[in-house]
Amino acid sequence: MHAPSGAQRDFTVLESTIAGLNAGKKGLDAEHESASALLADLDERLLKLKDSATNAERERAALAARKEALEVGLNRKDGAKGTARGQRRSISRMAPGQWLP
């Protein structure tokens, strides 16, 4: 037997490197498939969460508008009562013969 030449050794090293890369590629393919499935699941969950957030914001806005409308109604009722009380007080402080504005 004779010793391998430098080119033969380089070829053997490259051949071993390529074989190692191919073996690692199978693992990478499986990792990629797993990561792709996880990404699809997370995208779906994100879409559902965005929909829930949109619905919650709509409900919050509707409730805020309702609260404001109720407050305006209450303020009008309170204001009308206050105005009537104020007119009675003004009239009671008027001197005989004075006219209301």
C-alpha atoms as a PDB file:
ATOM      1  CA  MET A   1       0.000   0.000   0.000  1.00  0.00           C
ATOM      2  CA  HIS A   2       1.099   3.477  -0.607  1.00  0.00           C
ATOM      3  CA  ALA A   3       0.302   6.678   1.292  1.00  0.00           C
ATOM      4  CA  PRO A   4      -2.524   8.875  -0.072  1.00  0.00           C
ATOM      5  CA  SER A   5      -1.475  11.958  -1.936  1.00  0.00           C
ATOM      6  CA  GLY A   6      -2.266  15.474  -0.728  1.00  0.00           C
ATOM      7  CA  ALA A   7      -5.110  15.772  -3.218  1.00  0.00           C
ATOM      8  CA  GLN A   8      -6.557  12.451  -2.074  1.00  0.00           C
ATOM      9  CA  ARG A   9      -6.455  13.610   1.564  1.00  0.00           C
ATOM     10  CA  ASP A  10      -8.137  16.938   0.646  1.00  0.00           C
ATOM     11  CA  PHE A  11     -10.818  15.040  -1.257  1.00  0.00           C
ATOM     12  CA  THR A  12     -11.457  12.726   1.715  1.00  0.00           C
ATOM     13  CA  VAL A  13     -11.709  15.707   4.097  1.00  0.00           C
ATOM     14  CA  LEU A  14     -14.176  17.486   1.801  1.00  0.00           C
ATOM     15  CA  GLU A  15     -16.183  14.296   1.311  1.00  0.00           C
ATOM     16  CA  SER A  16     -16.476  13.855   5.091  1.00  0.00           C
ATOM     17  CA  THR A  17     -17.457  17.506   5.524  1.00  0.00           C
ATOM     18  CA  ILE A  18     -20.186  17.214   2.897  1.00  0.00           C
ATOM     19  CA  ALA A  19     -21.517  14.015   4.454  1.00  0.00           C
ATOM     20  CA  GLY A  20     -21.708  15.790   7.824  1.00  0.00           C
ATOM     21  CA  LEU A  21     -23.541  18.717   6.266  1.00  0.00           C
ATOM     22  CA  ASN A  22     -26.088  16.420   4.634  1.00  0.00           C
ATOM     23  CA  ALA A  23     -26.724  14.668   7.951  1.00  0.00           C
ATOM     24  CA  GLY A  24     -27.255  18.043   9.625  1.00  0.00           C
ATOM     25  CA  LYS A  25     -29.589  19.131   6.842  1.00  0.00           C
ATOM     26  CA  LYS A  26     -32.156  16.509   7.818  1.00  0.00           C
ATOM     27  CA  GLY A  27     -32.233  17.931  11.334  1.00  0.00           C
ATOM     28  CA  LEU A  28     -32.549  21.460   9.971  1.00  0.00           C
ATOM     29  CA  ASP A  29     -35.451  20.440   7.730  1.00  0.00           C
ATOM     30  CA  ALA A  30     -37.313  19.037  10.737  1.00  0.00           C
ATOM     31  CA  GLU A  31     -36.552  22.169  12.767  1.00  0.00           C
ATOM     32  CA  HIS A  32     -37.782  24.356   9.926  1.00  0.00           C
ATOM     33  CA  GLU A  33     -41.043  22.423   9.639  1.00  0.00           C
ATOM     34  CA  SER A  34     -41.578  22.660  13.384  1.00  0.00           C
ATOM     35  CA  ALA A  35     -40.821  26.388  13.414  1.00  0.00           C
ATOM     36  CA  SER A  36     -43.136  26.984  10.442  1.00  0.00           C
ATOM     37  CA  ALA A  37     -45.990  25.158  12.196  1.00  0.00           C
ATOM     38  CA  LEU A  38     -45.382  27.170  15.373  1.00  0.00           C
ATOM     39  CA  LEU A  39     -45.334  30.428  13.397  1.00  0.00           C
ATOM     40  CA  ALA A  40     -48.640  29.559  11.703  1.00  0.00           C
ATOM     41  CA  ASP A  41     -50.194  28.807  15.110  1.00  0.00           C
ATOM     42  CA  LEU A  42     -48.892  32.067  16.579  1.00  0.00           C
ATOM     43  CA  ASP A  43     -50.147  34.047  13.559  1.00  0.00           C
ATOM     44  CA  GLU A  44     -53.611  32.554  14.047  1.00  0.00           C
ATOM     45  CA  ARG A  45     -53.583  33.346  17.775  1.00  0.00           C
ATOM     46  CA  LEU A  46     -52.398  36.908  17.048  1.00  0.00           C
ATOM     47  CA  LEU A  47     -55.256  37.418  14.598  1.00  0.00           C
ATOM     48  CA  LYS A  48     -57.783  36.224  17.198  1.00  0.00           C
ATOM     49  CA  LEU A  49     -56.272  38.520  19.834  1.00  0.00           C
ATOM     50  CA  LYS A  50     -56.413  41.494  17.454  1.00  0.00           C
ATOM     51  CA  ASP A  51     -60.075  40.730  16.751  1.00  0.00           C
ATOM     52  CA  SER A  52     -60.777  40.520  20.483  1.00  0.00           C
ATOM     53  CA  ALA A  53     -58.977  43.809  21.092  1.00  0.00           C
ATOM     54  CA  THR A  54     -60.957  45.501  18.299  1.00  0.00           C
ATOM     55  CA  ASN A  55     -64.239  44.212  19.720  1.00  0.00           C
ATOM     56  CA  ALA A  56     -63.268  45.303  23.227  1.00  0.00           C
ATOM     57  CA  GLU A  57     -62.386  48.796  21.959  1.00  0.00           C
ATOM     58  CA  ARG A  58     -65.741  49.082  20.172  1.00  0.00           C
ATOM     59  CA  GLU A  59     -67.567  48.016  23.327  1.00  0.00           C
ATOM     60  CA  ARG A  60     -65.522  50.475  25.421  1.00  0.00           C
ATOM     61  CA  ALA A  61     -66.346  53.318  23.019  1.00  0.00           C
ATOM     62  CA  ALA A  62     -70.058  52.425  23.057  1.00  0.00           C
ATOM     63  CA  LEU A  63     -70.110  52.316  26.851  1.00  0.00           C
ATOM     64  CA  ALA A  64     -68.236  55.623  27.085  1.00  0.00           C
ATOM     65  CA  ALA A  65     -70.758  57.248  24.730  1.00  0.00           C
ATOM     66  CA  ARG A  66     -73.646  55.833  26.761  1.00  0.00           C
ATOM     67  CA  LYS A  67     -72.098  57.102  30.018  1.00  0.00           C
ATOM     68  CA  GLU A  68     -71.644  60.567  28.496  1.00  0.00           C
ATOM     69  CA  ALA A  69     -75.249  60.625  27.283  1.00  0.00           C
ATOM     70  CA  LEU A  70     -76.509  59.640  30.719  1.00  0.00           C
ATOM     71  CA  GLU A  71     -74.359  62.322  32.360  1.00  0.00           C
ATOM     72  CA  VAL A  72     -75.685  64.965  29.963  1.00  0.00           C
ATOM     73  CA  GLY A  73     -79.246  63.902  30.758  1.00  0.00           C
ATOM     74  CA  LEU A  74     -78.583  64.068  34.480  1.00  0.00           C
ATOM     75  CA  ASN A  75     -76.894  67.455  34.189  1.00  0.00           C
ATOM     76  CA  ARG A  76     -79.869  68.837  32.255  1.00  0.00           C
ATOM     77  CA  LYS A  77     -82.282  67.640  34.933  1.00  0.00           C
ATOM     78  CA  ASP A  78     -80.082  69.031  37.705  1.00  0.00           C
ATOM     79  CA  GLY A  79     -79.620  72.277  35.775  1.00  0.00           C
ATOM     80  CA  ALA A  80     -83.344  72.703  35.259  1.00  0.00           C
ATOM     81  CA  LYS A  81     -83.987  72.193  38.954  1.00  0.00           C
ATOM     82  CA  GLY A  82     -81.244  74.676  39.817  1.00  0.00           C
ATOM     83  CA  THR A  83     -82.592  77.262  37.390  1.00  0.00           C
ATOM     84  CA  ALA A  84     -86.096  76.946  38.818  1.00  0.00           C
ATOM     85  CA  ARG A  85     -84.727  77.312  42.350  1.00  0.00           C
ATOM     86  CA  GLY A  86     -82.665  80.324  41.289  1.00  0.00           C
ATOM     87  CA  GLN A  87     -85.700  82.028  39.710  1.00  0.00           C
ATOM     88  CA  ARG A  88     -87.753  81.464  42.868  1.00  0.00           C
ATOM     89  CA  ARG A  89     -84.969  82.989  44.942  1.00  0.00           C
ATOM     90  CA  SER A  90     -84.702  85.965  42.577  1.00  0.00           C
ATOM     91  CA  ILE A  91     -88.422  86.580  42.689  1.00  0.00           C
ATOM     92  CA  SER A  92     -88.509  86.316  46.455  1.00  0.00           C
ATOM     93  CA  ARG A  93     -85.795  89.021  46.712  1.00  0.00           C
ATOM     94  CA  MET A  94     -87.534  91.454  44.364  1.00  0.00           C
ATOM     95  CA  ALA A  95     -89.117  94.549  45.707  1.00  0.00           C
ATOM     96  CA  PRO A  96     -92.811  95.054  45.052  1.00  0.00           C
ATOM     97  CA  GLY A  97     -93.352  96.453  41.537  1.00  0.00           C
ATOM     98  CA  GLN A  98     -90.075  95.134  40.029  1.00  0.00           C
ATOM     99  CA  TRP A  99     -90.244  93.211  36.784  1.00  0.00           C
ATOM    100  CA  LEU A 100     -88.351  90.071  35.811  1.00  0.00           C
ATOM    101  CA  PRO A 101     -85.832  90.532  32.986  1.00  0.00           C
END
